[in-house]
Each structure stands twice: as C-alpha cells, then as structure tokens.
C-alpha cells in the first residue's frame, strides 16, 4: 500500500467513527428530549390533581358546615384558561361532591343525616 493510500484509509476510518458517534449522540438527545417531555406532562397532571383535590377539600368544608350549599364559587380555582367545576348532588340520604379540574375528576360520597353531611369512610377517588 502506498503512503497516500494509507492516509486515505485512515481518513475514511476516522470519518466513519465520527459518524457513528454522531448517530449515538443524536439518539441520546432524542431519548433525553422524550424523557423531559414525559416529566413535564407528569408534573402538569400532578398539578391538575392537586388543584382538583384542593377544590374538593374546600367544597367539603362548606358542605359539612351547611349541607344545602348551592354555590361553590369560593372553591373554584381561578385560572383563566383551565376548566374548573365543583358540583354537589343530593340523592335522598346520600350526597355526592364532585370536583373537576381539566382532565382530573375527584368524587367524595357523603351521608346526610338530620340536615348535616358527614363523610362515609374513605377518601375521595377518581372515577
């Protein structure tokens, strides 16, 4: 092999190794970006969950104070672009309190006796 040809072979080998390293780097970057996106979505979901839970706790305090509350404006999270809602439905001796924030819906069932609402065992749940 001539001296000029060995330099070309070395150059070809170095370019090939750099290309492989670049491919691995691009793949690692893409995976890292995907993981960051997942973490952001998870943190948003947790934020929505805790906002819905806060609305529900506030409404629960109002209902336990007065079982015939009709407005929960005080409890709604005021965020201009997010959907937020609190509902209180009474069916005979049972009341269902529902809090919704974005895609999270939490529900708490209460027992009504002598005009007072009390918790049925357990906490709220996501239907």
C-alpha atoms as a PDB file:
ATOM      1  CA  UNK A   1       0.000   0.000   0.000  1.00  0.00           C
ATOM      2  CA  UNK A   2       1.360   3.384  -0.932  1.00  0.00           C
ATOM      3  CA  UNK A   3       1.796   6.133   1.616  1.00  0.00           C
ATOM      4  CA  UNK A   4      -1.033   8.252   0.069  1.00  0.00           C
ATOM      5  CA  UNK A   5      -3.461   5.345   0.174  1.00  0.00           C
ATOM      6  CA  UNK A   6      -2.864   4.624   3.885  1.00  0.00           C
ATOM      7  CA  UNK A   7      -3.707   8.281   4.689  1.00  0.00           C
ATOM      8  CA  UNK A   8      -6.969   7.991   2.764  1.00  0.00           C
ATOM      9  CA  UNK A   9      -7.841   4.750   4.590  1.00  0.00           C
ATOM     10  CA  UNK A  10      -7.142   6.394   7.951  1.00  0.00           C
ATOM     11  CA  UNK A  11      -9.258   9.396   6.978  1.00  0.00           C
ATOM     12  CA  UNK A  12     -12.117   7.085   5.927  1.00  0.00           C
ATOM     13  CA  UNK A  13     -11.864   5.207   9.263  1.00  0.00           C
ATOM     14  CA  UNK A  14     -11.917   8.453  11.287  1.00  0.00           C
ATOM     15  CA  UNK A  15     -14.922   9.803   9.351  1.00  0.00           C
ATOM     16  CA  UNK A  16     -16.781   6.516   9.885  1.00  0.00           C
ATOM     17  CA  UNK A  17     -16.089   6.582  13.647  1.00  0.00           C
ATOM     18  CA  UNK A  18     -17.198  10.208  13.911  1.00  0.00           C
ATOM     19  CA  UNK A  19     -20.414   9.377  12.003  1.00  0.00           C
ATOM     20  CA  UNK A  20     -21.185   6.517  14.391  1.00  0.00           C
ATOM     21  CA  UNK A  21     -20.509   8.760  17.415  1.00  0.00           C
ATOM     22  CA  UNK A  22     -22.768  11.444  15.938  1.00  0.00           C
ATOM     23  CA  UNK A  23     -25.555   8.884  15.455  1.00  0.00           C
ATOM     24  CA  UNK A  24     -25.278   7.755  19.092  1.00  0.00           C
ATOM     25  CA  UNK A  25     -25.283  11.365  20.288  1.00  0.00           C
ATOM     26  CA  UNK A  26     -28.382  12.192  18.232  1.00  0.00           C
ATOM     27  CA  UNK A  27     -30.180   9.115  19.577  1.00  0.00           C
ATOM     28  CA  UNK A  28     -29.261  10.005  23.166  1.00  0.00           C
ATOM     29  CA  UNK A  29     -30.505  13.562  22.622  1.00  0.00           C
ATOM     30  CA  UNK A  30     -33.798  12.324  21.200  1.00  0.00           C
ATOM     31  CA  UNK A  31     -34.324   9.974  24.170  1.00  0.00           C
ATOM     32  CA  UNK A  32     -33.469  12.760  26.643  1.00  0.00           C
ATOM     33  CA  UNK A  33     -35.917  15.123  24.956  1.00  0.00           C
ATOM     34  CA  UNK A  34     -38.657  12.470  25.136  1.00  0.00           C
ATOM     35  CA  UNK A  35     -37.986  11.922  28.852  1.00  0.00           C
ATOM     36  CA  UNK A  36     -38.121  15.661  29.553  1.00  0.00           C
ATOM     37  CA  UNK A  37     -41.434  15.851  27.729  1.00  0.00           C
ATOM     38  CA  UNK A  38     -42.811  12.982  29.848  1.00  0.00           C
ATOM     39  CA  UNK A  39     -41.671  14.652  33.080  1.00  0.00           C
ATOM     40  CA  UNK A  40     -43.367  17.888  32.068  1.00  0.00           C
ATOM     41  CA  UNK A  41     -46.632  16.081  31.301  1.00  0.00           C
ATOM     42  CA  UNK A  42     -46.454  14.209  34.605  1.00  0.00           C
ATOM     43  CA  UNK A  43     -45.872  17.409  36.568  1.00  0.00           C
ATOM     44  CA  UNK A  44     -48.859  19.036  34.822  1.00  0.00           C
ATOM     45  CA  UNK A  45     -51.041  16.020  35.644  1.00  0.00           C
ATOM     46  CA  UNK A  46     -49.998  16.184  39.321  1.00  0.00           C
ATOM     47  CA  UNK A  47     -50.707  19.921  39.384  1.00  0.00           C
ATOM     48  CA  UNK A  48     -54.206  19.318  37.986  1.00  0.00           C
ATOM     49  CA  UNK A  49     -54.785  16.522  40.524  1.00  0.00           C
ATOM     50  CA  UNK A  50     -53.815  18.699  43.482  1.00  0.00           C
ATOM     51  CA  UNK A  51     -55.878  21.626  42.250  1.00  0.00           C
ATOM     52  CA  UNK A  52     -58.921  19.341  41.954  1.00  0.00           C
ATOM     53  CA  UNK A  53     -58.173  17.955  45.433  1.00  0.00           C
ATOM     54  CA  UNK A  54     -57.962  21.484  46.834  1.00  0.00           C
ATOM     55  CA  UNK A  55     -61.313  22.399  45.292  1.00  0.00           C
ATOM     56  CA  UNK A  56     -62.833  19.240  46.744  1.00  0.00           C
ATOM     57  CA  UNK A  57     -61.459  19.892  50.257  1.00  0.00           C
ATOM     58  CA  UNK A  58     -62.784  23.458  50.195  1.00  0.00           C
ATOM     59  CA  UNK A  59     -66.208  22.312  48.999  1.00  0.00           C
ATOM     60  CA  UNK A  60     -66.209  19.522  51.579  1.00  0.00           C
ATOM     61  CA  UNK A  61     -65.665  22.056  54.369  1.00  0.00           C
ATOM     62  CA  UNK A  62     -68.539  24.187  53.034  1.00  0.00           C
ATOM     63  CA  UNK A  63     -70.882  21.193  52.756  1.00  0.00           C
ATOM     64  CA  UNK A  64     -70.064  19.945  56.244  1.00  0.00           C
ATOM     65  CA  UNK A  65     -70.806  23.429  57.568  1.00  0.00           C
ATOM     66  CA  UNK A  66     -74.078  23.723  55.620  1.00  0.00           C
ATOM     67  CA  UNK A  67     -75.436  20.712  53.674  1.00  0.00           C
ATOM     68  CA  UNK A  68     -77.596  22.896  51.470  1.00  0.00           C
ATOM     69  CA  UNK A  69     -74.833  24.991  49.913  1.00  0.00           C
ATOM     70  CA  UNK A  70     -75.648  25.819  46.315  1.00  0.00           C
ATOM     71  CA  UNK A  71     -72.653  27.892  45.221  1.00  0.00           C
ATOM     72  CA  UNK A  72     -69.031  26.800  45.297  1.00  0.00           C
ATOM     73  CA  UNK A  73     -67.571  29.863  43.555  1.00  0.00           C
ATOM     74  CA  UNK A  74     -65.347  30.384  46.581  1.00  0.00           C
ATOM     75  CA  UNK A  75     -63.718  26.987  45.992  1.00  0.00           C
ATOM     76  CA  UNK A  76     -63.153  27.143  42.248  1.00  0.00           C
ATOM     77  CA  UNK A  77     -59.570  27.542  41.111  1.00  0.00           C
ATOM     78  CA  UNK A  78     -59.469  30.758  39.156  1.00  0.00           C
ATOM     79  CA  UNK A  79     -57.295  30.067  36.157  1.00  0.00           C
ATOM     80  CA  UNK A  80     -58.443  31.859  33.033  1.00  0.00           C
ATOM     81  CA  UNK A  81     -57.649  29.109  30.537  1.00  0.00           C
ATOM     82  CA  UNK A  82     -58.383  25.986  32.610  1.00  0.00           C
ATOM     83  CA  UNK A  83     -61.726  24.223  33.042  1.00  0.00           C
ATOM     84  CA  UNK A  84     -62.734  24.013  36.698  1.00  0.00           C
ATOM     85  CA  UNK A  85     -66.008  22.865  38.272  1.00  0.00           C
ATOM     86  CA  UNK A  86     -67.434  21.777  41.652  1.00  0.00           C
ATOM     87  CA  UNK A  87     -70.830  20.004  41.921  1.00  0.00           C
ATOM     88  CA  UNK A  88     -72.960  18.860  44.878  1.00  0.00           C
ATOM     89  CA  UNK A  89     -75.753  16.376  44.115  1.00  0.00           C
ATOM     90  CA  UNK A  90     -78.089  15.051  46.809  1.00  0.00           C
ATOM     91  CA  UNK A  91     -79.925  11.724  46.389  1.00  0.00           C
ATOM     92  CA  UNK A  92     -82.035  11.038  49.474  1.00  0.00           C
ATOM     93  CA  UNK A  93     -79.672  10.245  52.374  1.00  0.00           C
ATOM     94  CA  UNK A  94     -76.534  10.492  50.271  1.00  0.00           C
ATOM     95  CA  UNK A  95     -74.719  13.395  48.677  1.00  0.00           C
ATOM     96  CA  UNK A  96     -72.041  13.250  46.007  1.00  0.00           C
ATOM     97  CA  UNK A  97     -69.473  16.008  45.834  1.00  0.00           C
ATOM     98  CA  UNK A  98     -67.505  16.200  42.572  1.00  0.00           C
ATOM     99  CA  UNK A  99     -64.532  18.378  41.742  1.00  0.00           C
ATOM    100  CA  UNK A 100     -63.156  18.646  38.205  1.00  0.00           C
ATOM    101  CA  UNK A 101     -60.043  20.461  37.058  1.00  0.00           C
ATOM    102  CA  UNK A 102     -59.018  19.962  33.422  1.00  0.00           C
ATOM    103  CA  UNK A 103     -58.979  16.162  32.912  1.00  0.00           C
ATOM    104  CA  UNK A 104     -58.968  15.194  36.632  1.00  0.00           C
ATOM    105  CA  UNK A 105     -62.288  14.392  38.326  1.00  0.00           C
ATOM    106  CA  UNK A 106     -62.444  13.579  42.052  1.00  0.00           C
ATOM    107  CA  UNK A 107     -65.582  12.381  43.827  1.00  0.00           C
ATOM    108  CA  UNK A 108     -66.495  12.147  47.520  1.00  0.00           C
ATOM    109  CA  UNK A 109     -69.658  10.487  48.828  1.00  0.00           C
ATOM    110  CA  UNK A 110     -71.262  11.910  51.972  1.00  0.00           C
ATOM    111  CA  UNK A 111     -74.067  10.707  54.230  1.00  0.00           C
ATOM    112  CA  UNK A 112     -76.769  13.214  55.121  1.00  0.00           C
ATOM    113  CA  UNK A 113     -78.484  12.805  58.492  1.00  0.00           C
ATOM    114  CA  UNK A 114     -80.674  15.449  60.131  1.00  0.00           C
ATOM    115  CA  UNK A 115     -79.530  18.095  57.671  1.00  0.00           C
ATOM    116  CA  UNK A 116     -75.826  17.514  58.327  1.00  0.00           C
ATOM    117  CA  UNK A 117     -73.385  15.957  55.881  1.00  0.00           C
ATOM    118  CA  UNK A 118     -70.717  13.581  57.171  1.00  0.00           C
ATOM    119  CA  UNK A 119     -68.032  11.608  55.406  1.00  0.00           C
ATOM    120  CA  UNK A 120     -68.584   7.988  54.547  1.00  0.00           C
ATOM    121  CA  UNK A 121     -65.430   6.044  55.372  1.00  0.00           C
ATOM    122  CA  UNK A 122     -62.580   6.524  52.962  1.00  0.00           C
ATOM    123  CA  UNK A 123     -61.279   9.438  50.989  1.00  0.00           C
ATOM    124  CA  UNK A 124     -62.082  10.761  47.583  1.00  0.00           C
ATOM    125  CA  UNK A 125     -61.413   8.765  44.489  1.00  0.00           C
ATOM    126  CA  UNK A 126     -61.017   9.206  40.780  1.00  0.00           C
ATOM    127  CA  UNK A 127     -63.871   7.514  38.859  1.00  0.00           C
END
